[in-house]
């Protein structure tokens, strides 16, 4: 069950609900949004119904939710949410492009990639300072030095930063640099990490796991929401199937399915799903056409020398095609391309 509090509800009103639920042997998880507070209940529904929670001060309504992901479900939140990251909206009505290098390698590489991203219509910068890799011998990222580089590039370009966190012990440090915390596919069911980012007070980008069902993906989002953070954006990045022609199989149908089940925004990663530069543009078109709320795309000034995922990173020529696409495709779907919060001059010559 879910208890929706009125916008005027006081902390004492919320505490009264929590105490009553706990006295009946249940658990209550409080999620505070921008306009109202929601209390998710876990326990015997029959016991909760006997409490007459709807009569308590500050309670707007009590909803019986049938799905396991109560807080992120549309059963209690019919309107789809818009999440703002550093002033950039992600959700219905806009198409938000997040772009940048898969991994931070140097200040020069990251800055150049950021200007490339901005010229393609990106309003947010992606870049990995910590890189969880299948092989222990692959490039693992620059750590906190990489976070400093991302913060410096944000200051120069005005692009809010999203970067991955892989360890619960690093959450506070990464949050001190980033505007949005990313949970990668390998960590979608790292429950300690999900709970830690849920308590960090920053928006979260949650990628779907390699073999995760949609219910498992939304249940992972519920771990974050239970800690009071409903500023979650879901990312479809392809799943593992029997097919080997592409790096992963992009489950394009997941976008409308999840949008029907959850109020959270859904974006698509055409870079990691296809794993090849020539597939990024067609998959981007498919994502826009199916109604995705945004895209996250790899770009690199010199893909042939990239330390991570160079085969899928877009080049200058590709960026021009993406830019042309962003000028015409979003309006066809009734969307506006999300602008960066701080338009800082023009792209330097030669970039």
Protein backbone atom coordinates (compact mmCIF):
# COMPACT_ATOMS: atom_id res chain seq x y z
CA UNK A 1 0.00 0.00 0.00
CA UNK A 2 0.97 3.63 -0.47
CA UNK A 3 -0.07 6.60 1.65
CA UNK A 4 0.00 9.89 -0.26
CA UNK A 5 0.33 12.93 2.00
CA UNK A 6 -1.09 16.35 1.16
CA UNK A 7 1.35 19.10 0.13
CA UNK A 8 0.57 20.80 3.47
CA UNK A 9 1.34 17.70 5.59
CA UNK A 10 3.78 18.39 8.43
CA UNK A 11 6.65 16.15 9.57
CA UNK A 12 4.52 15.31 12.60
CA UNK A 13 1.70 14.12 10.32
CA UNK A 14 4.12 11.84 8.46
CA UNK A 15 5.58 10.54 11.71
CA UNK A 16 2.08 9.70 12.97
CA UNK A 17 1.48 7.53 9.89
CA UNK A 18 4.84 5.79 10.28
CA UNK A 19 4.29 5.11 14.00
CA UNK A 20 0.82 3.68 13.44
CA UNK A 21 2.04 1.35 10.69
CA UNK A 22 4.95 0.16 12.80
CA UNK A 23 2.65 -0.46 15.75
CA UNK A 24 0.71 -2.85 13.50
CA UNK A 25 3.90 -4.79 12.71
CA UNK A 26 4.52 -3.20 9.30
CA UNK A 27 7.32 -1.19 7.76
CA UNK A 28 6.99 2.35 6.40
CA UNK A 29 9.37 3.93 3.87
CA UNK A 30 9.11 7.69 3.48
CA UNK A 31 9.85 9.35 0.11
CA UNK A 32 9.83 13.15 0.03
CA UNK A 33 9.32 14.70 -3.39
CA UNK A 34 9.26 18.35 -4.45
CA UNK A 35 5.55 18.82 -3.76
CA UNK A 36 4.45 16.01 -1.49
CA UNK A 37 5.52 13.07 0.63
CA UNK A 38 4.67 9.43 -0.09
CA UNK A 39 4.84 6.62 2.48
CA UNK A 40 5.26 3.10 1.11
CA UNK A 41 3.96 0.32 3.37
CA UNK A 42 5.29 -3.23 3.58
CA UNK A 43 3.39 -5.83 5.54
CA UNK A 44 -0.09 -7.37 5.84
CA UNK A 45 -2.51 -5.29 3.77
CA UNK A 46 -5.48 -6.45 5.85
CA UNK A 47 -3.81 -5.10 9.02
CA UNK A 48 -3.16 -1.75 7.31
CA UNK A 49 -6.76 -1.44 6.09
CA UNK A 50 -7.96 -1.86 9.69
CA UNK A 51 -5.90 1.18 10.75
CA UNK A 52 -8.13 3.66 8.86
CA UNK A 53 -5.06 5.59 7.72
CA UNK A 54 -7.14 7.83 5.46
CA UNK A 55 -8.60 9.58 8.50
CA UNK A 56 -5.22 10.77 9.80
CA UNK A 57 -4.21 14.42 9.54
CA UNK A 58 -2.25 15.24 6.40
CA UNK A 59 -3.26 12.10 4.49
CA UNK A 60 -4.58 12.75 0.97
CA UNK A 61 -5.27 9.17 -0.07
CA UNK A 62 -4.39 5.55 0.62
CA UNK A 63 -3.77 3.41 -2.45
CA UNK A 64 -3.55 -0.35 -2.64
CA UNK A 65 -0.75 -1.12 -5.11
CA UNK A 66 -0.57 -4.54 -6.72
CA UNK A 67 2.95 -4.32 -8.20
CA UNK A 68 6.10 -4.84 -6.11
CA UNK A 69 7.59 -1.48 -7.19
CA UNK A 70 5.13 0.73 -5.33
CA UNK A 71 6.86 4.12 -5.29
CA UNK A 72 7.93 4.16 -8.94
CA UNK A 73 4.64 2.72 -10.23
CA UNK A 74 2.01 4.71 -12.11
CA UNK A 75 -0.65 3.07 -9.97
CA UNK A 76 -0.15 5.81 -7.38
CA UNK A 77 1.48 8.45 -9.61
CA UNK A 78 -0.51 8.63 -12.84
CA UNK A 79 1.32 11.58 -14.41
CA UNK A 80 4.79 10.88 -15.80
CA UNK A 81 7.58 12.64 -13.92
CA UNK A 82 10.03 15.26 -15.14
CA UNK A 83 13.42 14.99 -13.45
CA UNK A 84 15.70 18.04 -13.44
CA UNK A 85 19.47 17.73 -13.38
CA UNK A 86 21.34 21.00 -12.97
CA UNK A 87 18.37 22.77 -14.54
CA UNK A 88 18.06 20.32 -17.46
CA UNK A 89 14.66 18.57 -17.72
CA UNK A 90 14.34 14.86 -18.53
CA UNK A 91 10.83 13.60 -19.18
CA UNK A 92 7.69 14.14 -21.28
CA UNK A 93 7.78 17.00 -23.75
CA UNK A 94 11.53 17.15 -24.17
CA UNK A 95 14.30 15.03 -25.66
CA UNK A 96 17.43 15.25 -23.52
CA UNK A 97 20.78 14.31 -25.03
CA UNK A 98 23.60 13.24 -22.70
CA UNK A 99 26.92 12.79 -24.48
CA UNK A 100 30.62 12.59 -23.80
CA UNK A 101 33.49 10.12 -23.58
CA UNK A 102 32.91 6.68 -22.15
CA UNK A 103 35.97 7.24 -19.95
CA UNK A 104 37.83 10.33 -18.80
CA UNK A 105 41.42 10.03 -20.05
CA UNK A 106 42.80 13.57 -19.78
CA UNK A 107 41.62 17.18 -19.35
CA UNK A 108 42.17 17.89 -23.05
CA UNK A 109 40.31 14.79 -24.28
CA UNK A 110 37.37 15.40 -21.94
CA UNK A 111 37.02 19.08 -22.81
CA UNK A 112 37.20 18.42 -26.54
CA UNK A 113 34.62 15.62 -26.22
CA UNK A 114 32.37 17.95 -24.21
CA UNK A 115 32.41 20.60 -26.94
CA UNK A 116 31.66 17.87 -29.48
CA UNK A 117 28.74 16.76 -27.34
CA UNK A 118 27.39 20.28 -27.04
CA UNK A 119 27.65 20.87 -30.79
CA UNK A 120 25.52 17.74 -31.29
CA UNK A 121 22.75 19.17 -29.12
CA UNK A 122 23.72 17.60 -25.80
CA UNK A 123 22.61 19.40 -22.65
CA UNK A 124 24.47 17.10 -20.25
CA UNK A 125 27.97 15.61 -20.17
CA UNK A 126 28.68 11.94 -19.50
CA UNK A 127 32.11 10.61 -18.60
CA UNK A 128 33.43 7.72 -16.53
CA UNK A 129 35.95 8.36 -13.78
CA UNK A 130 35.46 4.85 -12.36
CA UNK A 131 35.14 2.08 -14.95
CA UNK A 132 33.95 -1.40 -13.90
CA UNK A 133 35.42 -3.68 -16.58
CA UNK A 134 35.01 -7.36 -17.35
CA UNK A 135 38.79 -7.83 -17.51
CA UNK A 136 40.93 -6.72 -14.55
CA UNK A 137 43.57 -5.67 -17.09
CA UNK A 138 41.33 -3.17 -18.89
CA UNK A 139 41.42 0.57 -18.19
CA UNK A 140 39.73 1.19 -14.84
CA UNK A 141 39.45 4.99 -14.96
CA UNK A 142 41.21 7.91 -13.25
CA UNK A 143 39.19 7.87 -10.03
CA UNK A 144 38.93 11.17 -8.19
CA UNK A 145 41.32 12.86 -10.61
CA UNK A 146 38.79 12.08 -13.33
CA UNK A 147 36.00 13.60 -11.23
CA UNK A 148 38.01 16.81 -10.88
CA UNK A 149 38.44 16.95 -14.65
CA UNK A 150 34.69 16.53 -15.17
CA UNK A 151 33.98 19.33 -12.68
CA UNK A 152 36.45 21.63 -14.47
CA UNK A 153 34.90 20.84 -17.86
CA UNK A 154 31.44 21.55 -16.46
CA UNK A 155 32.67 24.99 -15.36
CA UNK A 156 33.92 25.73 -18.88
CA UNK A 157 31.04 24.32 -20.94
CA UNK A 158 28.04 24.72 -18.61
CA UNK A 159 27.06 21.06 -19.06
CA UNK A 160 25.85 19.24 -15.91
CA UNK A 161 27.78 16.02 -15.29
CA UNK A 162 26.56 12.44 -14.95
CA UNK A 163 29.16 9.87 -13.93
CA UNK A 164 29.16 6.33 -12.62
CA UNK A 165 29.66 5.30 -9.01
CA UNK A 166 30.59 1.67 -8.37
CA UNK A 167 31.21 1.45 -4.62
CA UNK A 168 28.89 2.45 -1.73
CA UNK A 169 31.94 3.90 0.01
CA UNK A 170 32.53 6.30 -2.90
CA UNK A 171 29.00 7.71 -3.13
CA UNK A 172 29.59 10.84 -1.05
CA UNK A 173 32.81 11.64 -2.89
CA UNK A 174 31.29 11.18 -6.35
CA UNK A 175 28.18 13.14 -5.34
CA UNK A 176 30.38 16.07 -4.32
CA UNK A 177 31.52 16.42 -7.95
CA UNK A 178 28.62 15.12 -10.05
CA UNK A 179 25.15 16.49 -10.80
CA UNK A 180 23.76 12.98 -11.39
CA UNK A 181 24.94 9.58 -10.21
CA UNK A 182 24.95 6.68 -12.66
CA UNK A 183 24.41 3.05 -11.69
CA UNK A 184 25.80 0.86 -14.46
CA UNK A 185 24.38 -2.38 -15.80
CA UNK A 186 26.77 -4.49 -13.73
CA UNK A 187 25.54 -2.86 -10.52
CA UNK A 188 21.79 -2.73 -11.15
CA UNK A 189 21.25 -5.28 -8.38
CA UNK A 190 24.01 -4.08 -6.06
CA UNK A 191 21.44 -3.33 -3.38
CA UNK A 192 23.83 -1.68 -0.93
CA UNK A 193 24.90 0.72 -3.69
CA UNK A 194 21.28 1.43 -4.69
CA UNK A 195 20.42 2.31 -1.11
CA UNK A 196 23.51 4.51 -0.79
CA UNK A 197 22.73 6.58 -3.89
CA UNK A 198 19.11 6.80 -2.75
CA UNK A 199 20.32 8.62 0.34
CA UNK A 200 22.81 10.88 -1.46
CA UNK A 201 20.38 13.62 -2.46
CA UNK A 202 21.35 13.59 -6.15
CA UNK A 203 19.38 12.44 -9.22
CA UNK A 204 20.21 8.88 -10.30
CA UNK A 205 20.57 7.32 -13.76
CA UNK A 206 19.81 3.60 -13.43
CA UNK A 207 20.88 1.37 -16.31
CA UNK A 208 19.14 -1.93 -16.96
CA UNK A 209 21.18 -5.03 -16.15
CA UNK A 210 22.44 -7.38 -18.87
CA UNK A 211 19.83 -10.05 -18.16
CA UNK A 212 17.31 -8.12 -16.06
CA UNK A 213 13.59 -8.34 -16.62
CA UNK A 214 11.62 -5.11 -16.61
CA UNK A 215 10.15 -5.99 -13.20
CA UNK A 216 13.66 -6.53 -11.79
CA UNK A 217 14.78 -3.21 -13.26
CA UNK A 218 11.88 -1.32 -11.71
CA UNK A 219 12.36 -3.12 -8.42
CA UNK A 220 15.97 -1.91 -8.42
CA UNK A 221 14.63 1.64 -8.87
CA UNK A 222 12.35 0.99 -5.89
CA UNK A 223 15.43 0.46 -3.68
CA UNK A 224 16.51 4.00 -4.55
CA UNK A 225 13.03 5.45 -4.08
CA UNK A 226 12.68 3.78 -0.68
CA UNK A 227 15.51 5.96 0.59
CA UNK A 228 13.55 9.10 -0.22
CA UNK A 229 14.87 9.77 -3.72
CA UNK A 230 12.34 9.76 -6.57
CA UNK A 231 14.64 11.66 -8.94
CA UNK A 232 15.43 8.54 -10.98
CA UNK A 233 15.92 8.20 -14.73
CA UNK A 234 15.88 4.71 -16.25
CA UNK A 235 18.22 3.77 -19.10
CA UNK A 236 17.62 0.94 -21.58
CA UNK A 237 21.07 -0.09 -22.80
CA UNK A 238 20.44 -3.45 -24.40
CA UNK A 239 20.17 -6.93 -22.93
CA UNK A 240 22.14 -10.13 -23.45
CA UNK A 241 20.51 -12.56 -25.88
CA UNK A 242 21.68 -15.38 -28.15
CA UNK A 243 22.51 -12.83 -30.88
CA UNK A 244 26.21 -12.02 -31.38
CA UNK A 245 25.99 -9.61 -34.34
CA UNK A 246 25.68 -6.68 -31.92
CA UNK A 247 27.25 -6.07 -28.54
CA UNK A 248 23.82 -6.29 -26.89
CA UNK A 249 20.25 -6.51 -28.17
CA UNK A 250 18.49 -3.16 -27.78
CA UNK A 251 15.06 -3.88 -26.29
CA UNK A 252 13.33 -0.92 -27.93
CA UNK A 253 9.92 -2.17 -26.77
CA UNK A 254 11.05 -1.66 -23.17
CA UNK A 255 10.61 2.11 -23.57
CA UNK A 256 6.80 2.19 -24.01
CA UNK A 257 6.33 -0.79 -21.68
CA UNK A 258 8.18 0.91 -18.82
CA UNK A 259 6.51 4.25 -19.50
CA UNK A 260 3.17 2.51 -19.06
CA UNK A 261 4.23 0.84 -15.80
CA UNK A 262 6.28 3.63 -14.18
CA UNK A 263 6.15 7.42 -13.97
CA UNK A 264 9.95 7.65 -14.24
CA UNK A 265 11.62 8.99 -17.44
CA UNK A 266 13.20 6.41 -19.76
CA UNK A 267 16.21 7.11 -21.96
CA UNK A 268 18.12 4.89 -24.41
CA UNK A 269 21.83 4.16 -24.83
CA UNK A 270 22.41 3.46 -28.55
CA UNK A 271 26.19 3.27 -28.05
CA UNK A 272 26.49 0.40 -25.58
CA UNK A 273 23.61 -1.54 -27.08
CA UNK A 274 24.95 -1.72 -30.63
CA UNK A 275 28.62 -1.49 -29.71
CA UNK A 276 29.45 -0.19 -33.19
CA UNK A 277 29.69 3.35 -34.51
CA UNK A 278 27.62 2.56 -37.63
CA UNK A 279 24.68 1.42 -35.47
CA UNK A 280 24.48 4.46 -33.19
CA UNK A 281 22.62 6.72 -35.65
CA UNK A 282 19.95 4.16 -36.67
CA UNK A 283 19.37 3.15 -33.05
CA UNK A 284 19.11 6.83 -32.10
CA UNK A 285 16.37 7.27 -34.70
CA UNK A 286 14.56 4.22 -33.32
CA UNK A 287 14.79 5.55 -29.75
CA UNK A 288 13.35 8.93 -30.72
CA UNK A 289 10.58 7.32 -32.78
CA UNK A 290 9.50 4.98 -29.98
CA UNK A 291 9.13 7.90 -27.54
CA UNK A 292 12.31 7.80 -25.43
CA UNK A 293 12.75 10.77 -23.10
CA UNK A 294 16.44 11.05 -23.92
CA UNK A 295 19.65 9.50 -25.21
CA UNK A 296 23.09 8.85 -23.79
CA UNK A 297 25.78 8.71 -26.47
CA UNK A 298 29.54 8.12 -26.54
CA UNK A 299 31.69 10.70 -28.34
CA UNK A 300 35.49 10.87 -28.49
CA UNK A 301 37.88 13.23 -30.31
CA UNK A 302 40.15 10.31 -31.32
CA UNK A 303 38.22 7.00 -31.14
CA UNK A 304 41.12 4.96 -32.55
CA UNK A 305 43.22 5.78 -29.48
CA UNK A 306 40.38 5.64 -26.92
CA UNK A 307 41.17 3.66 -23.79
CA UNK A 308 37.57 2.44 -23.53
CA UNK A 309 34.90 1.56 -26.13
CA UNK A 310 36.43 3.44 -29.05
CA UNK A 311 34.55 1.28 -31.59
CA UNK A 312 31.23 2.83 -30.61
CA UNK A 313 32.31 6.45 -30.04
CA UNK A 314 31.06 9.02 -32.53
CA UNK A 315 33.46 11.15 -34.58
CA UNK A 316 33.18 14.72 -35.87
CA UNK A 317 31.35 13.57 -39.03
CA UNK A 318 28.85 11.57 -36.96
CA UNK A 319 28.31 14.55 -34.67
CA UNK A 320 27.17 16.67 -37.61
CA UNK A 321 24.62 14.01 -38.55
CA UNK A 322 23.39 13.81 -34.95
CA UNK A 323 23.09 17.61 -34.85
CA UNK A 324 21.00 17.63 -38.02
CA UNK A 325 18.81 14.85 -36.62
CA UNK A 326 18.22 16.70 -33.36
CA UNK A 327 16.97 19.73 -35.27
CA UNK A 328 14.24 17.81 -37.07
CA UNK A 329 13.30 14.53 -35.35
CA UNK A 330 12.18 15.59 -31.83
CA UNK A 331 9.48 17.99 -33.14
CA UNK A 332 8.01 15.12 -35.17
CA UNK A 333 7.38 13.34 -31.87
CA UNK A 334 5.96 16.45 -30.18
CA UNK A 335 9.13 17.06 -28.20
CA UNK A 336 11.58 19.92 -27.80
CA UNK A 337 15.32 19.37 -27.62
CA UNK A 338 16.36 20.14 -24.03
CA UNK A 339 18.80 23.07 -23.88
CA UNK A 340 21.83 23.24 -21.62
CA UNK A 341 21.29 25.49 -18.58
CA UNK A 342 24.21 27.75 -19.44
CA UNK A 343 24.99 28.52 -23.07
CA UNK A 344 28.67 29.44 -22.84
CA UNK A 345 29.71 31.10 -26.07
CA UNK A 346 30.54 29.21 -29.25
CA UNK A 347 32.48 26.03 -29.79
CA UNK A 348 36.15 26.96 -30.12
CA UNK A 349 37.58 26.91 -33.62
CA UNK A 350 39.19 23.64 -34.58
CA UNK A 351 37.21 21.55 -32.10
